[in-house]
Amino acid sequence: LVVGAIIFALMSTWKTGRGILAERLQRGTLPIDLFLKDAGGRTAQRV
């Protein structure tokens, strides 16, 4: 039971943490459509 509780804490923490991390990243993510519109007008050098 102790082993199970420890592993459950690890698994649930990882699952929940990844969800929160995805939410945090989502808030600061630029939609790809907007980026592509901007990239079309940019003069950034292509290598």
All heavy atoms as atom14 arrays in JSON, in Angstrom:
{
  "sequence": "LVVGAIIFALMSTWKTGRGILAERLQRGTLPIDLFLKDAGGRTAQRV",
  "atom14_mask": [
    [1, 1, 1, 1, 1, 1, 1, 1, 0, 0, 0, 0, 0, 0],
    [1, 1, 1, 1, 1, 1, 1, 0, 0, 0, 0, 0, 0, 0],
    [1, 1, 1, 1, 1, 1, 1, 0, 0, 0, 0, 0, 0, 0],
    [1, 1, 1, 1, 0, 0, 0, 0, 0, 0, 0, 0, 0, 0],
    [1, 1, 1, 1, 1, 0, 0, 0, 0, 0, 0, 0, 0, 0],
    [1, 1, 1, 1, 1, 1, 1, 1, 0, 0, 0, 0, 0, 0],
    [1, 1, 1, 1, 1, 1, 1, 1, 0, 0, 0, 0, 0, 0],
    [1, 1, 1, 1, 1, 1, 1, 1, 1, 1, 1, 0, 0, 0],
    [1, 1, 1, 1, 1, 0, 0, 0, 0, 0, 0, 0, 0, 0],
    [1, 1, 1, 1, 1, 1, 1, 1, 0, 0, 0, 0, 0, 0],
    [1, 1, 1, 1, 1, 1, 1, 1, 0, 0, 0, 0, 0, 0],
    [1, 1, 1, 1, 1, 1, 0, 0, 0, 0, 0, 0, 0, 0],
    [1, 1, 1, 1, 1, 1, 1, 0, 0, 0, 0, 0, 0, 0],
    [1, 1, 1, 1, 1, 1, 1, 1, 1, 1, 1, 1, 1, 1],
    [1, 1, 1, 1, 1, 1, 1, 1, 1, 0, 0, 0, 0, 0],
    [1, 1, 1, 1, 1, 1, 1, 0, 0, 0, 0, 0, 0, 0],
    [1, 1, 1, 1, 0, 0, 0, 0, 0, 0, 0, 0, 0, 0],
    [1, 1, 1, 1, 1, 1, 1, 1, 1, 1, 1, 0, 0, 0],
    [1, 1, 1, 1, 0, 0, 0, 0, 0, 0, 0, 0, 0, 0],
    [1, 1, 1, 1, 1, 1, 1, 1, 0, 0, 0, 0, 0, 0],
    [1, 1, 1, 1, 1, 1, 1, 1, 0, 0, 0, 0, 0, 0],
    [1, 1, 1, 1, 1, 0, 0, 0, 0, 0, 0, 0, 0, 0],
    [1, 1, 1, 1, 1, 1, 1, 1, 1, 0, 0, 0, 0, 0],
    [1, 1, 1, 1, 1, 1, 1, 1, 1, 1, 1, 0, 0, 0],
    [1, 1, 1, 1, 1, 1, 1, 1, 0, 0, 0, 0, 0, 0],
    [1, 1, 1, 1, 1, 1, 1, 1, 1, 0, 0, 0, 0, 0],
    [1, 1, 1, 1, 1, 1, 1, 1, 1, 1, 1, 0, 0, 0],
    [1, 1, 1, 1, 0, 0, 0, 0, 0, 0, 0, 0, 0, 0],
    [1, 1, 1, 1, 1, 1, 1, 0, 0, 0, 0, 0, 0, 0],
    [1, 1, 1, 1, 1, 1, 1, 1, 0, 0, 0, 0, 0, 0],
    [1, 1, 1, 1, 1, 1, 1, 0, 0, 0, 0, 0, 0, 0],
    [1, 1, 1, 1, 1, 1, 1, 1, 0, 0, 0, 0, 0, 0],
    [1, 1, 1, 1, 1, 1, 1, 1, 0, 0, 0, 0, 0, 0],
    [1, 1, 1, 1, 1, 1, 1, 1, 0, 0, 0, 0, 0, 0],
    [1, 1, 1, 1, 1, 1, 1, 1, 1, 1, 1, 0, 0, 0],
    [1, 1, 1, 1, 1, 1, 1, 1, 0, 0, 0, 0, 0, 0],
    [1, 1, 1, 1, 1, 1, 1, 1, 1, 0, 0, 0, 0, 0],
    [1, 1, 1, 1, 1, 1, 1, 1, 0, 0, 0, 0, 0, 0],
    [1, 1, 1, 1, 1, 0, 0, 0, 0, 0, 0, 0, 0, 0],
    [1, 1, 1, 1, 0, 0, 0, 0, 0, 0, 0, 0, 0, 0],
    [1, 1, 1, 1, 0, 0, 0, 0, 0, 0, 0, 0, 0, 0],
    [1, 1, 1, 1, 1, 1, 1, 1, 1, 1, 1, 0, 0, 0],
    [1, 1, 1, 1, 1, 1, 1, 0, 0, 0, 0, 0, 0, 0],
    [1, 1, 1, 1, 1, 0, 0, 0, 0, 0, 0, 0, 0, 0],
    [1, 1, 1, 1, 1, 1, 1, 1, 1, 0, 0, 0, 0, 0],
    [1, 1, 1, 1, 1, 1, 1, 1, 1, 1, 1, 0, 0, 0],
    [1, 1, 1, 1, 1, 1, 1, 0, 0, 0, 0, 0, 0, 0]
  ],
  "atom14_positions": [
    [[0.82, -1.21, 0.0], [0.0, 0.0, 0.0], [0.86, 1.26, 0.0], [0.57, 2.24, -0.7], [-0.94, 0.0, 1.21], [-2.08, -1.03, 1.2], [-2.93, -0.89, 2.45], [-2.94, -0.88, -0.05], [0.0, 0.0, 0.0], [0.0, 0.0, 0.0], [0.0, 0.0, 0.0], [0.0, 0.0, 0.0], [0.0, 0.0, 0.0], [0.0, 0.0, 0.0]],
    [[1.93, 1.24, 0.78], [2.84, 2.39, 0.81], [3.52, 2.55, -0.55], [3.64, 3.66, -1.08], [3.89, 2.22, 1.93], [5.01, 3.25, 1.79], [3.23, 2.35, 3.29], [0.0, 0.0, 0.0], [0.0, 0.0, 0.0], [0.0, 0.0, 0.0], [0.0, 0.0, 0.0], [0.0, 0.0, 0.0], [0.0, 0.0, 0.0], [0.0, 0.0, 0.0]],
    [[3.96, 1.42, -1.11], [4.59, 1.46, -2.44], [3.6, 2.02, -3.46], [3.93, 2.89, -4.27], [5.06, 0.05, -2.86], [5.49, 0.04, -4.33], [6.2, -0.42, -1.98], [0.0, 0.0, 0.0], [0.0, 0.0, 0.0], [0.0, 0.0, 0.0], [0.0, 0.0, 0.0], [0.0, 0.0, 0.0], [0.0, 0.0, 0.0], [0.0, 0.0, 0.0]],
    [[2.36, 1.49, -3.41], [1.33, 1.97, -4.33], [1.04, 3.44, -4.15], [0.86, 4.18, -5.13], [0.0, 0.0, 0.0], [0.0, 0.0, 0.0], [0.0, 0.0, 0.0], [0.0, 0.0, 0.0], [0.0, 0.0, 0.0], [0.0, 0.0, 0.0], [0.0, 0.0, 0.0], [0.0, 0.0, 0.0], [0.0, 0.0, 0.0], [0.0, 0.0, 0.0]],
    [[0.98, 3.9, -2.89], [0.7, 5.32, -2.61], [1.81, 6.22, -3.15], [1.54, 7.28, -3.73], [0.53, 5.53, -1.11], [0.0, 0.0, 0.0], [0.0, 0.0, 0.0], [0.0, 0.0, 0.0], [0.0, 0.0, 0.0], [0.0, 0.0, 0.0], [0.0, 0.0, 0.0], [0.0, 0.0, 0.0], [0.0, 0.0, 0.0], [0.0, 0.0, 0.0]],
    [[3.07, 5.78, -3.0], [4.2, 6.58, -3.5], [4.14, 6.68, -5.02], [4.28, 7.76, -5.6], [5.54, 5.97, -3.04], [5.69, 6.11, -1.52], [6.71, 6.62, -3.77], [6.89, 5.37, -0.95], [0.0, 0.0, 0.0], [0.0, 0.0, 0.0], [0.0, 0.0, 0.0], [0.0, 0.0, 0.0], [0.0, 0.0, 0.0], [0.0, 0.0, 0.0]],
    [[3.91, 5.54, -5.68], [3.88, 5.53, -7.14], [2.67, 6.3, -7.65], [2.75, 7.03, -8.65], [3.89, 4.08, -7.67], [5.22, 3.43, -7.34], [3.62, 4.04, -9.18], [5.33, 1.98, -7.69], [0.0, 0.0, 0.0], [0.0, 0.0, 0.0], [0.0, 0.0, 0.0], [0.0, 0.0, 0.0], [0.0, 0.0, 0.0], [0.0, 0.0, 0.0]],
    [[1.54, 6.19, -6.95], [0.35, 6.95, -7.33], [0.62, 8.45, -7.21], [0.23, 9.24, -8.08], [-0.84, 6.57, -6.45], [-2.07, 7.41, -6.71], [-2.8, 7.24, -7.89], [-2.49, 8.36, -5.79], [-3.93, 8.01, -8.13], [-3.61, 9.13, -6.03], [-4.33, 8.95, -7.21], [0.0, 0.0, 0.0], [0.0, 0.0, 0.0], [0.0, 0.0, 0.0]],
    [[1.32, 8.85, -6.14], [1.66, 10.27, -5.97], [2.56, 10.75, -7.12], [2.37, 11.85, -7.66], [2.36, 10.49, -4.63], [0.0, 0.0, 0.0], [0.0, 0.0, 0.0], [0.0, 0.0, 0.0], [0.0, 0.0, 0.0], [0.0, 0.0, 0.0], [0.0, 0.0, 0.0], [0.0, 0.0, 0.0], [0.0, 0.0, 0.0], [0.0, 0.0, 0.0]],
    [[3.52, 9.91, -7.51], [4.41, 10.27, -8.62], [3.64, 10.38, -9.93], [3.79, 11.36, -10.68], [5.52, 9.23, -8.76], [6.53, 9.14, -7.61], [7.47, 7.95, -7.81], [7.34, 10.43, -7.5], [0.0, 0.0, 0.0], [0.0, 0.0, 0.0], [0.0, 0.0, 0.0], [0.0, 0.0, 0.0], [0.0, 0.0, 0.0], [0.0, 0.0, 0.0]],
    [[2.79, 9.38, -10.22], [2.06, 9.35, -11.49], [1.04, 10.49, -11.57], [0.94, 11.16, -12.6], [1.36, 7.99, -11.66], [2.31, 6.82, -11.82], [1.46, 5.22, -11.89], [0.83, 5.25, -13.56], [0.0, 0.0, 0.0], [0.0, 0.0, 0.0], [0.0, 0.0, 0.0], [0.0, 0.0, 0.0], [0.0, 0.0, 0.0], [0.0, 0.0, 0.0]],
    [[0.28, 10.69, -10.5], [-0.73, 11.74, -10.52], [-0.09, 13.13, -10.57], [-0.59, 14.04, -11.23], [-1.67, 11.62, -9.3], [-0.95, 11.73, -8.09], [0.0, 0.0, 0.0], [0.0, 0.0, 0.0], [0.0, 0.0, 0.0], [0.0, 0.0, 0.0], [0.0, 0.0, 0.0], [0.0, 0.0, 0.0], [0.0, 0.0, 0.0], [0.0, 0.0, 0.0]],
    [[1.05, 13.28, -9.86], [1.76, 14.56, -9.9], [2.29, 14.84, -11.3], [2.19, 15.97, -11.8], [2.93, 14.56, -8.9], [2.41, 14.42, -7.57], [3.74, 15.84, -8.99], [0.0, 0.0, 0.0], [0.0, 0.0, 0.0], [0.0, 0.0, 0.0], [0.0, 0.0, 0.0], [0.0, 0.0, 0.0], [0.0, 0.0, 0.0], [0.0, 0.0, 0.0]],
    [[2.84, 13.82, -11.94], [3.37, 14.01, -13.29], [2.24, 14.36, -14.26], [2.37, 15.27, -15.07], [4.1, 12.76, -13.75], [4.72, 12.91, -15.11], [4.26, 12.43, -16.29], [5.91, 13.65, -15.41], [5.09, 12.79, -17.32], [6.12, 13.55, -16.81], [6.82, 14.37, -14.65], [7.2, 14.14, -17.46], [7.9, 14.97, -15.29], [8.08, 14.86, -16.67]],
    [[1.13, 13.61, -14.17], [0.01, 13.85, -15.08], [-0.56, 15.26, -14.87], [-0.8, 16.0, -15.83], [-1.07, 12.8, -14.85], [-2.3, 12.93, -15.76], [-1.94, 12.7, -17.2], [-3.15, 12.78, -18.1], [-2.78, 12.7, -19.53], [0.0, 0.0, 0.0], [0.0, 0.0, 0.0], [0.0, 0.0, 0.0], [0.0, 0.0, 0.0], [0.0, 0.0, 0.0]],
    [[-0.79, 15.62, -13.61], [-1.34, 16.94, -13.31], [-0.36, 18.04, -13.69], [-0.73, 19.06, -14.27], [-1.69, 17.04, -11.81], [-2.58, 15.98, -11.45], [-2.35, 18.38, -11.49], [0.0, 0.0, 0.0], [0.0, 0.0, 0.0], [0.0, 0.0, 0.0], [0.0, 0.0, 0.0], [0.0, 0.0, 0.0], [0.0, 0.0, 0.0], [0.0, 0.0, 0.0]],
    [[0.93, 17.82, -13.36], [1.94, 18.82, -13.66], [2.09, 19.07, -15.16], [2.22, 20.21, -15.6], [0.0, 0.0, 0.0], [0.0, 0.0, 0.0], [0.0, 0.0, 0.0], [0.0, 0.0, 0.0], [0.0, 0.0, 0.0], [0.0, 0.0, 0.0], [0.0, 0.0, 0.0], [0.0, 0.0, 0.0], [0.0, 0.0, 0.0], [0.0, 0.0, 0.0]],
    [[2.04, 18.01, -15.96], [2.12, 18.18, -17.4], [0.93, 18.95, -17.94], [1.06, 19.76, -18.86], [2.2, 16.81, -18.1], [3.47, 16.03, -17.84], [4.72, 16.72, -18.31], [4.76, 16.94, -19.74], [5.73, 17.57, -20.38], [6.76, 18.05, -19.69], [5.71, 17.74, -21.69], [0.0, 0.0, 0.0], [0.0, 0.0, 0.0], [0.0, 0.0, 0.0]],
    [[-0.24, 18.7, -17.33], [-1.42, 19.45, -17.74], [-1.29, 20.93, -17.43], [-1.62, 21.79, -18.27], [0.0, 0.0, 0.0], [0.0, 0.0, 0.0], [0.0, 0.0, 0.0], [0.0, 0.0, 0.0], [0.0, 0.0, 0.0], [0.0, 0.0, 0.0], [0.0, 0.0, 0.0], [0.0, 0.0, 0.0], [0.0, 0.0, 0.0], [0.0, 0.0, 0.0]],
    [[-0.8, 21.26, -16.23], [-0.61, 22.66, -15.84], [0.46, 23.32, -16.71], [0.29, 24.46, -17.16], [-0.21, 22.74, -14.35], [-1.39, 22.29, -13.47], [0.22, 24.16, -13.98], [-1.03, 22.17, -12.0], [0.0, 0.0, 0.0], [0.0, 0.0, 0.0], [0.0, 0.0, 0.0], [0.0, 0.0, 0.0], [0.0, 0.0, 0.0], [0.0, 0.0, 0.0]],
    [[1.55, 22.57, -16.98], [2.61, 23.11, -17.82], [2.08, 23.41, -19.23], [2.41, 24.46, -19.81], [3.76, 22.1, -17.9], [4.95, 22.5, -18.77], [5.59, 23.79, -18.26], [5.99, 21.37, -18.8], [0.0, 0.0, 0.0], [0.0, 0.0, 0.0], [0.0, 0.0, 0.0], [0.0, 0.0, 0.0], [0.0, 0.0, 0.0], [0.0, 0.0, 0.0]],
    [[1.24, 22.51, -19.75], [0.67, 22.73, -21.09], [-0.2, 23.98, -21.09], [-0.19, 24.76, -22.05], [-0.15, 21.51, -21.51], [0.0, 0.0, 0.0], [0.0, 0.0, 0.0], [0.0, 0.0, 0.0], [0.0, 0.0, 0.0], [0.0, 0.0, 0.0], [0.0, 0.0, 0.0], [0.0, 0.0, 0.0], [0.0, 0.0, 0.0], [0.0, 0.0, 0.0]],
    [[-0.96, 24.2, -19.99], [-1.81, 25.4, -19.88], [-0.95, 26.66, -19.86], [-1.26, 27.66, -20.51], [-2.67, 25.31, -18.63], [-3.76, 24.24, -18.68], [-4.49, 24.13, -17.35], [-4.24, 24.97, -16.45], [-5.31, 23.2, -17.2], [0.0, 0.0, 0.0], [0.0, 0.0, 0.0], [0.0, 0.0, 0.0], [0.0, 0.0, 0.0], [0.0, 0.0, 0.0]],
    [[0.15, 26.63, -19.08], [1.03, 27.79, -18.98], [1.65, 28.11, -20.35], [1.73, 29.28, -20.76], [2.15, 27.53, -17.97], [1.68, 27.23, -16.55], [1.29, 28.47, -15.78], [1.15, 28.17, -14.37], [0.01, 27.82, -13.78], [-1.11, 27.73, -14.5], [-0.04, 27.58, -12.47], [0.0, 0.0, 0.0], [0.0, 0.0, 0.0], [0.0, 0.0, 0.0]],
    [[2.09, 27.07, -21.05], [2.69, 27.28, -22.37], [1.66, 27.76, -23.37], [1.95, 28.59, -24.24], [3.33, 25.97, -22.87], [4.6, 25.5, -22.13], [5.01, 24.11, -22.61], [5.73, 26.49, -22.34], [0.0, 0.0, 0.0], [0.0, 0.0, 0.0], [0.0, 0.0, 0.0], [0.0, 0.0, 0.0], [0.0, 0.0, 0.0], [0.0, 0.0, 0.0]],
    [[0.42, 27.24, -23.25], [-0.65, 27.61, -24.17], [-0.95, 29.11, -24.09], [-1.2, 29.76, -25.1], [-1.9, 26.79, -23.86], [-3.13, 27.12, -24.71], [-2.98, 26.65, -26.14], [-2.25, 25.7, -26.4], [-3.66, 27.3, -27.06], [0.0, 0.0, 0.0], [0.0, 0.0, 0.0], [0.0, 0.0, 0.0], [0.0, 0.0, 0.0], [0.0, 0.0, 0.0]],
    [[-0.91, 29.65, -22.86], [-1.22, 31.07, -22.68], [-0.25, 31.97, -23.43], [-0.62, 33.02, -23.95], [-1.17, 31.42, -21.19], [-2.3, 30.81, -20.37], [-2.11, 31.15, -18.9], [-3.01, 30.38, -18.06], [-2.92, 30.33, -16.74], [-1.98, 31.04, -16.12], [-3.77, 29.61, -16.03], [0.0, 0.0, 0.0], [0.0, 0.0, 0.0], [0.0, 0.0, 0.0]],
    [[1.03, 31.55, -23.47], [2.02, 32.41, -24.12], [2.36, 31.98, -25.53], [3.33, 32.47, -26.11], [0.0, 0.0, 0.0], [0.0, 0.0, 0.0], [0.0, 0.0, 0.0], [0.0, 0.0, 0.0], [0.0, 0.0, 0.0], [0.0, 0.0, 0.0], [0.0, 0.0, 0.0], [0.0, 0.0, 0.0], [0.0, 0.0, 0.0], [0.0, 0.0, 0.0]],
    [[1.55, 31.07, -26.09], [1.84, 30.56, -27.43], [1.2, 31.43, -28.5], [0.01, 31.77, -28.42], [1.34, 29.1, -27.57], [2.04, 28.27, -26.64], [1.6, 28.58, -28.98], [0.0, 0.0, 0.0], [0.0, 0.0, 0.0], [0.0, 0.0, 0.0], [0.0, 0.0, 0.0], [0.0, 0.0, 0.0], [0.0, 0.0, 0.0], [0.0, 0.0, 0.0]],
    [[1.97, 31.76, -29.51], [1.46, 32.51, -30.66], [0.81, 31.54, -31.63], [1.45, 30.55, -32.02], [2.62, 33.25, -31.35], [2.28, 34.02, -32.63], [1.41, 35.23, -32.3], [3.57, 34.44, -33.35], [0.0, 0.0, 0.0], [0.0, 0.0, 0.0], [0.0, 0.0, 0.0], [0.0, 0.0, 0.0], [0.0, 0.0, 0.0], [0.0, 0.0, 0.0]],
    [[-0.45, 31.77, -32.03], [-1.09, 30.88, -33.01], [-0.24, 30.8, -34.28], [0.27, 31.81, -34.76], [-2.45, 31.54, -33.27], [-2.72, 32.33, -32.03], [-1.38, 32.82, -31.56], [0.0, 0.0, 0.0], [0.0, 0.0, 0.0], [0.0, 0.0, 0.0], [0.0, 0.0, 0.0], [0.0, 0.0, 0.0], [0.0, 0.0, 0.0], [0.0, 0.0, 0.0]],
    [[-0.11, 29.59, -34.8], [0.75, 29.38, -35.96], [0.27, 30.16, -37.19], [1.08, 30.61, -38.01], [0.87, 27.87, -36.28], [1.96, 27.62, -37.33], [-0.46, 27.29, -36.72], [3.34, 28.0, -36.9], [0.0, 0.0, 0.0], [0.0, 0.0, 0.0], [0.0, 0.0, 0.0], [0.0, 0.0, 0.0], [0.0, 0.0, 0.0], [0.0, 0.0, 0.0]],
    [[-1.04, 30.35, -37.32], [-1.56, 31.12, -38.46], [-1.03, 32.55, -38.44], [-0.65, 33.1, -39.49], [-3.09, 31.13, -38.44], [-3.68, 29.74, -38.65], [-2.95, 28.88, -39.19], [-4.85, 29.52, -38.27], [0.0, 0.0, 0.0], [0.0, 0.0, 0.0], [0.0, 0.0, 0.0], [0.0, 0.0, 0.0], [0.0, 0.0, 0.0], [0.0, 0.0, 0.0]],
    [[-1.01, 33.18, -37.26], [-0.5, 34.55, -37.15], [0.99, 34.6, -37.46], [1.48, 35.53, -38.11], [-0.77, 35.1, -35.75], [-2.24, 35.31, -35.37], [-2.34, 35.84, -33.93], [-2.9, 36.3, -36.33], [0.0, 0.0, 0.0], [0.0, 0.0, 0.0], [0.0, 0.0, 0.0], [0.0, 0.0, 0.0], [0.0, 0.0, 0.0], [0.0, 0.0, 0.0]],
    [[1.72, 33.59, -36.99], [3.15, 33.55, -37.24], [3.44, 33.43, -38.73], [4.34, 34.09, -39.27], [3.8, 32.39, -36.48], [5.27, 32.25, -36.76], [6.2, 33.01, -36.07], [5.73, 31.36, -37.74], [7.56, 32.89, -36.35], [7.09, 31.25, -38.01], [8.01, 32.01, -37.31], [0.0, 0.0, 0.0], [0.0, 0.0, 0.0], [0.0, 0.0, 0.0]],
    [[2.67, 32.56, -39.41], [2.9, 32.35, -40.85], [2.6, 33.61, -41.65], [3.29, 33.93, -42.62], [2.06, 31.18, -41.35], [2.49, 29.79, -40.85], [1.49, 28.73, -41.29], [3.89, 29.45, -41.37], [0.0, 0.0, 0.0], [0.0, 0.0, 0.0], [0.0, 0.0, 0.0], [0.0, 0.0, 0.0], [0.0, 0.0, 0.0], [0.0, 0.0, 0.0]],
    [[1.55, 34.34, -41.25], [1.25, 35.61, -41.92], [2.42, 36.58, -41.75], [2.83, 37.27, -42.69], [-0.02, 36.23, -41.35], [-1.3, 35.52, -41.77], [-2.51, 36.2, -41.14], [-3.8, 35.47, -41.52], [-4.99, 36.11, -40.9], [0.0, 0.0, 0.0], [0.0, 0.0, 0.0], [0.0, 0.0, 0.0], [0.0, 0.0, 0.0], [0.0, 0.0, 0.0]],
    [[2.95, 36.6, -40.53], [4.07, 37.5, -40.26], [5.32, 37.04, -41.0], [6.09, 37.84, -41.52], [4.32, 37.54, -38.75], [5.38, 38.56, -38.38], [5.27, 39.71, -38.84], [6.32, 38.2, -37.65], [0.0, 0.0, 0.0], [0.0, 0.0, 0.0], [0.0, 0.0, 0.0], [0.0, 0.0, 0.0], [0.0, 0.0, 0.0], [0.0, 0.0, 0.0]],
    [[5.53, 35.7, -41.06], [6.72, 35.14, -41.72], [6.69, 35.44, -43.21], [7.74, 35.63, -43.85], [6.8, 33.64, -41.48], [0.0, 0.0, 0.0], [0.0, 0.0, 0.0], [0.0, 0.0, 0.0], [0.0, 0.0, 0.0], [0.0, 0.0, 0.0], [0.0, 0.0, 0.0], [0.0, 0.0, 0.0], [0.0, 0.0, 0.0], [0.0, 0.0, 0.0]],
    [[5.46, 35.51, -43.8], [5.35, 35.79, -45.23], [5.83, 37.18, -45.57], [6.32, 37.44, -46.67], [0.0, 0.0, 0.0], [0.0, 0.0, 0.0], [0.0, 0.0, 0.0], [0.0, 0.0, 0.0], [0.0, 0.0, 0.0], [0.0, 0.0, 0.0], [0.0, 0.0, 0.0], [0.0, 0.0, 0.0], [0.0, 0.0, 0.0], [0.0, 0.0, 0.0]],
    [[5.7, 38.12, -44.64], [6.12, 39.49, -44.91], [7.51, 39.8, -44.39], [8.03, 40.89, -44.6], [0.0, 0.0, 0.0], [0.0, 0.0, 0.0], [0.0, 0.0, 0.0], [0.0, 0.0, 0.0], [0.0, 0.0, 0.0], [0.0, 0.0, 0.0], [0.0, 0.0, 0.0], [0.0, 0.0, 0.0], [0.0, 0.0, 0.0], [0.0, 0.0, 0.0]],
    [[8.12, 38.88, -43.66], [9.45, 39.11, -43.09], [10.53, 39.0, -44.17], [10.38, 38.3, -45.18], [9.75, 38.07, -42.0], [9.18, 38.43, -40.64], [9.49, 37.3, -39.66], [8.96, 37.57, -38.34], [9.68, 38.04, -37.33], [10.94, 38.33, -37.51], [9.12, 38.24, -36.15], [0.0, 0.0, 0.0], [0.0, 0.0, 0.0], [0.0, 0.0, 0.0]],
    [[11.61, 39.63, -43.9], [12.76, 39.54, -44.81], [13.88, 38.74, -44.14], [15.06, 38.93, -44.46], [13.26, 40.94, -45.17], [13.58, 41.65, -43.95], [12.22, 41.7, -45.97], [0.0, 0.0, 0.0], [0.0, 0.0, 0.0], [0.0, 0.0, 0.0], [0.0, 0.0, 0.0], [0.0, 0.0, 0.0], [0.0, 0.0, 0.0], [0.0, 0.0, 0.0]],
    [[13.51, 37.89, -43.18], [14.52, 37.08, -42.49], [15.26, 36.23, -43.51], [14.67, 35.65, -44.42], [13.85, 36.19, -41.45], [0.0, 0.0, 0.0], [0.0, 0.0, 0.0], [0.0, 0.0, 0.0], [0.0, 0.0, 0.0], [0.0, 0.0, 0.0], [0.0, 0.0, 0.0], [0.0, 0.0, 0.0], [0.0, 0.0, 0.0], [0.0, 0.0, 0.0]],
    [[16.56, 36.19, -43.35], [17.38, 35.43, -44.28], [17.08, 33.94, -44.16], [16.93, 33.41, -43.06], [18.86, 35.69, -43.99], [19.81, 35.0, -44.97], [21.26, 35.31, -44.67], [21.54, 36.18, -43.85], [22.17, 34.6, -45.32], [0.0, 0.0, 0.0], [0.0, 0.0, 0.0], [0.0, 0.0, 0.0], [0.0, 0.0, 0.0], [0.0, 0.0, 0.0]],
    [[16.98, 33.25, -45.3], [16.75, 31.8, -45.3], [18.1, 31.12, -45.57], [18.84, 31.5, -46.49], [15.74, 31.4, -46.39], [14.41, 32.15, -46.34], [13.65, 31.86, -45.06], [13.04, 30.58, -45.01], [11.71, 30.35, -45.08], [10.87, 31.38, -45.22], [11.24, 29.14, -45.0], [0.0, 0.0, 0.0], [0.0, 0.0, 0.0], [0.0, 0.0, 0.0]],
    [[18.38, 30.11, -44.76], [19.65, 29.39, -44.9], [19.36, 27.98, -45.39], [18.27, 27.44, -45.16], [20.42, 29.36, -43.56], [20.85, 30.76, -43.16], [19.59, 28.71, -42.47], [0.0, 0.0, 0.0], [0.0, 0.0, 0.0], [0.0, 0.0, 0.0], [0.0, 0.0, 0.0], [0.0, 0.0, 0.0], [0.0, 0.0, 0.0], [0.0, 0.0, 0.0]]
  ]
}
